[in-house]
């Protein structure tokens, strides 16, 4: 999951964890979804915004599940193939 210039906050945190020897960047999969705006309106809390019936959060959660579940199921079912990482 090596990103070009820029990246995002989660990847930056993973880079720091890798520098500390805690994770292997070659074994990360980055999946992203979009939901709502980047912040709640001034009259509501972040939690209220996340659970708003007009928001995209529930749809985003369903989409990330649908995208990630087959990957996770493949890795778990065929761990012997994935244990050493992604083949080049």
C-alpha atoms as a PDB file:
ATOM      1  CA  UNK A   1       0.000   0.000   0.000  1.00  0.00           C
ATOM      2  CA  UNK A   2       2.796   2.411  -0.677  1.00  0.00           C
ATOM      3  CA  UNK A   3       1.280   5.793  -1.464  1.00  0.00           C
ATOM      4  CA  UNK A   4       2.632   8.428  -3.754  1.00  0.00           C
ATOM      5  CA  UNK A   5       3.295  11.860  -2.297  1.00  0.00           C
ATOM      6  CA  UNK A   6       0.622  13.061   0.063  1.00  0.00           C
ATOM      7  CA  UNK A   7      -1.112  10.060   1.553  1.00  0.00           C
ATOM      8  CA  UNK A   8      -3.462  10.383   4.483  1.00  0.00           C
ATOM      9  CA  UNK A   9      -3.327  10.493   8.270  1.00  0.00           C
ATOM     10  CA  UNK A  10      -3.891   6.762   8.745  1.00  0.00           C
ATOM     11  CA  UNK A  11      -1.094   5.896   6.340  1.00  0.00           C
ATOM     12  CA  UNK A  12       1.200   8.402   8.041  1.00  0.00           C
ATOM     13  CA  UNK A  13       0.471   6.719  11.382  1.00  0.00           C
ATOM     14  CA  UNK A  14       1.228   3.316   9.828  1.00  0.00           C
ATOM     15  CA  UNK A  15       4.539   4.662   8.495  1.00  0.00           C
ATOM     16  CA  UNK A  16       5.484   5.708  12.022  1.00  0.00           C
ATOM     17  CA  UNK A  17       4.466   2.296  13.351  1.00  0.00           C
ATOM     18  CA  UNK A  18       6.604   0.670  10.652  1.00  0.00           C
ATOM     19  CA  UNK A  19       9.574   2.849  11.608  1.00  0.00           C
ATOM     20  CA  UNK A  20       9.117   1.557  15.174  1.00  0.00           C
ATOM     21  CA  UNK A  21       9.064  -2.032  13.882  1.00  0.00           C
ATOM     22  CA  UNK A  22       5.393  -2.568  14.747  1.00  0.00           C
ATOM     23  CA  UNK A  23       3.881  -3.093  11.281  1.00  0.00           C
ATOM     24  CA  UNK A  24       4.996  -4.118   7.804  1.00  0.00           C
ATOM     25  CA  UNK A  25       3.836  -1.595   5.191  1.00  0.00           C
ATOM     26  CA  UNK A  26       3.934  -4.313   2.538  1.00  0.00           C
ATOM     27  CA  UNK A  27       1.125  -6.103   4.353  1.00  0.00           C
ATOM     28  CA  UNK A  28      -1.377  -3.232   4.529  1.00  0.00           C
ATOM     29  CA  UNK A  29      -4.486  -2.868   2.413  1.00  0.00           C
ATOM     30  CA  UNK A  30      -6.010   0.584   2.240  1.00  0.00           C
ATOM     31  CA  UNK A  31      -9.778   0.798   1.810  1.00  0.00           C
ATOM     32  CA  UNK A  32     -11.607   4.096   1.974  1.00  0.00           C
ATOM     33  CA  UNK A  33     -15.231   5.162   1.897  1.00  0.00           C
ATOM     34  CA  UNK A  34     -16.928   8.528   1.840  1.00  0.00           C
ATOM     35  CA  UNK A  35     -19.654   9.561   4.240  1.00  0.00           C
ATOM     36  CA  UNK A  36     -21.218  12.902   5.088  1.00  0.00           C
ATOM     37  CA  UNK A  37     -19.248  16.078   5.041  1.00  0.00           C
ATOM     38  CA  UNK A  38     -15.872  16.591   6.665  1.00  0.00           C
ATOM     39  CA  UNK A  39     -17.409  17.966   9.874  1.00  0.00           C
ATOM     40  CA  UNK A  40     -20.823  18.342  11.516  1.00  0.00           C
ATOM     41  CA  UNK A  41     -22.761  21.562  11.256  1.00  0.00           C
ATOM     42  CA  UNK A  42     -22.090  24.020  14.117  1.00  0.00           C
ATOM     43  CA  UNK A  43     -25.298  23.067  15.950  1.00  0.00           C
ATOM     44  CA  UNK A  44     -24.619  19.327  16.266  1.00  0.00           C
ATOM     45  CA  UNK A  45     -22.001  17.035  17.725  1.00  0.00           C
ATOM     46  CA  UNK A  46     -19.822  14.727  15.626  1.00  0.00           C
ATOM     47  CA  UNK A  47     -21.724  11.738  17.031  1.00  0.00           C
ATOM     48  CA  UNK A  48     -25.080  13.251  16.070  1.00  0.00           C
ATOM     49  CA  UNK A  49     -23.772  13.872  12.571  1.00  0.00           C
ATOM     50  CA  UNK A  50     -22.570  10.267  12.232  1.00  0.00           C
ATOM     51  CA  UNK A  51     -25.985   8.884  13.118  1.00  0.00           C
ATOM     52  CA  UNK A  52     -28.094  11.398  11.192  1.00  0.00           C
ATOM     53  CA  UNK A  53     -30.718   9.711   9.030  1.00  0.00           C
ATOM     54  CA  UNK A  54     -29.753  12.003   6.163  1.00  0.00           C
ATOM     55  CA  UNK A  55     -26.092  11.078   6.377  1.00  0.00           C
ATOM     56  CA  UNK A  56     -24.118   8.613   4.327  1.00  0.00           C
ATOM     57  CA  UNK A  57     -22.454   6.857   7.261  1.00  0.00           C
ATOM     58  CA  UNK A  58     -24.635   3.697   7.234  1.00  0.00           C
ATOM     59  CA  UNK A  59     -24.180   3.366   3.462  1.00  0.00           C
ATOM     60  CA  UNK A  60     -20.425   3.871   3.807  1.00  0.00           C
ATOM     61  CA  UNK A  61     -20.262   1.165   6.502  1.00  0.00           C
ATOM     62  CA  UNK A  62     -22.131  -1.272   4.274  1.00  0.00           C
ATOM     63  CA  UNK A  63     -19.868  -0.444   1.325  1.00  0.00           C
ATOM     64  CA  UNK A  64     -16.636  -0.916   3.272  1.00  0.00           C
ATOM     65  CA  UNK A  65     -17.946  -4.268   4.548  1.00  0.00           C
ATOM     66  CA  UNK A  66     -18.837  -5.384   1.023  1.00  0.00           C
ATOM     67  CA  UNK A  67     -15.413  -4.342  -0.265  1.00  0.00           C
ATOM     68  CA  UNK A  68     -13.345  -5.762   2.597  1.00  0.00           C
ATOM     69  CA  UNK A  69     -15.192  -8.984   3.432  1.00  0.00           C
ATOM     70  CA  UNK A  70     -14.140 -10.899   0.279  1.00  0.00           C
ATOM     71  CA  UNK A  71     -10.506  -9.888   0.815  1.00  0.00           C
ATOM     72  CA  UNK A  72     -10.531 -10.963   4.455  1.00  0.00           C
ATOM     73  CA  UNK A  73     -12.357 -14.207   3.624  1.00  0.00           C
ATOM     74  CA  UNK A  74      -9.786 -15.034   0.918  1.00  0.00           C
ATOM     75  CA  UNK A  75      -6.861 -14.390   3.260  1.00  0.00           C
ATOM     76  CA  UNK A  76      -8.360 -16.416   6.107  1.00  0.00           C
ATOM     77  CA  UNK A  77      -9.398 -19.324   3.854  1.00  0.00           C
ATOM     78  CA  UNK A  78      -5.986 -19.495   2.156  1.00  0.00           C
ATOM     79  CA  UNK A  79      -3.656 -18.343   4.915  1.00  0.00           C
ATOM     80  CA  UNK A  80      -0.917 -20.688   3.728  1.00  0.00           C
ATOM     81  CA  UNK A  81      -0.776 -18.673   0.504  1.00  0.00           C
ATOM     82  CA  UNK A  82      -0.889 -15.252   2.214  1.00  0.00           C
ATOM     83  CA  UNK A  83       1.210 -15.900   5.315  1.00  0.00           C
ATOM     84  CA  UNK A  84       4.424 -14.586   3.734  1.00  0.00           C
ATOM     85  CA  UNK A  85       2.665 -11.589   2.189  1.00  0.00           C
ATOM     86  CA  UNK A  86       1.499 -10.587  -1.256  1.00  0.00           C
ATOM     87  CA  UNK A  87       3.263 -12.327  -4.115  1.00  0.00           C
ATOM     88  CA  UNK A  88       4.950  -9.942  -6.542  1.00  0.00           C
END
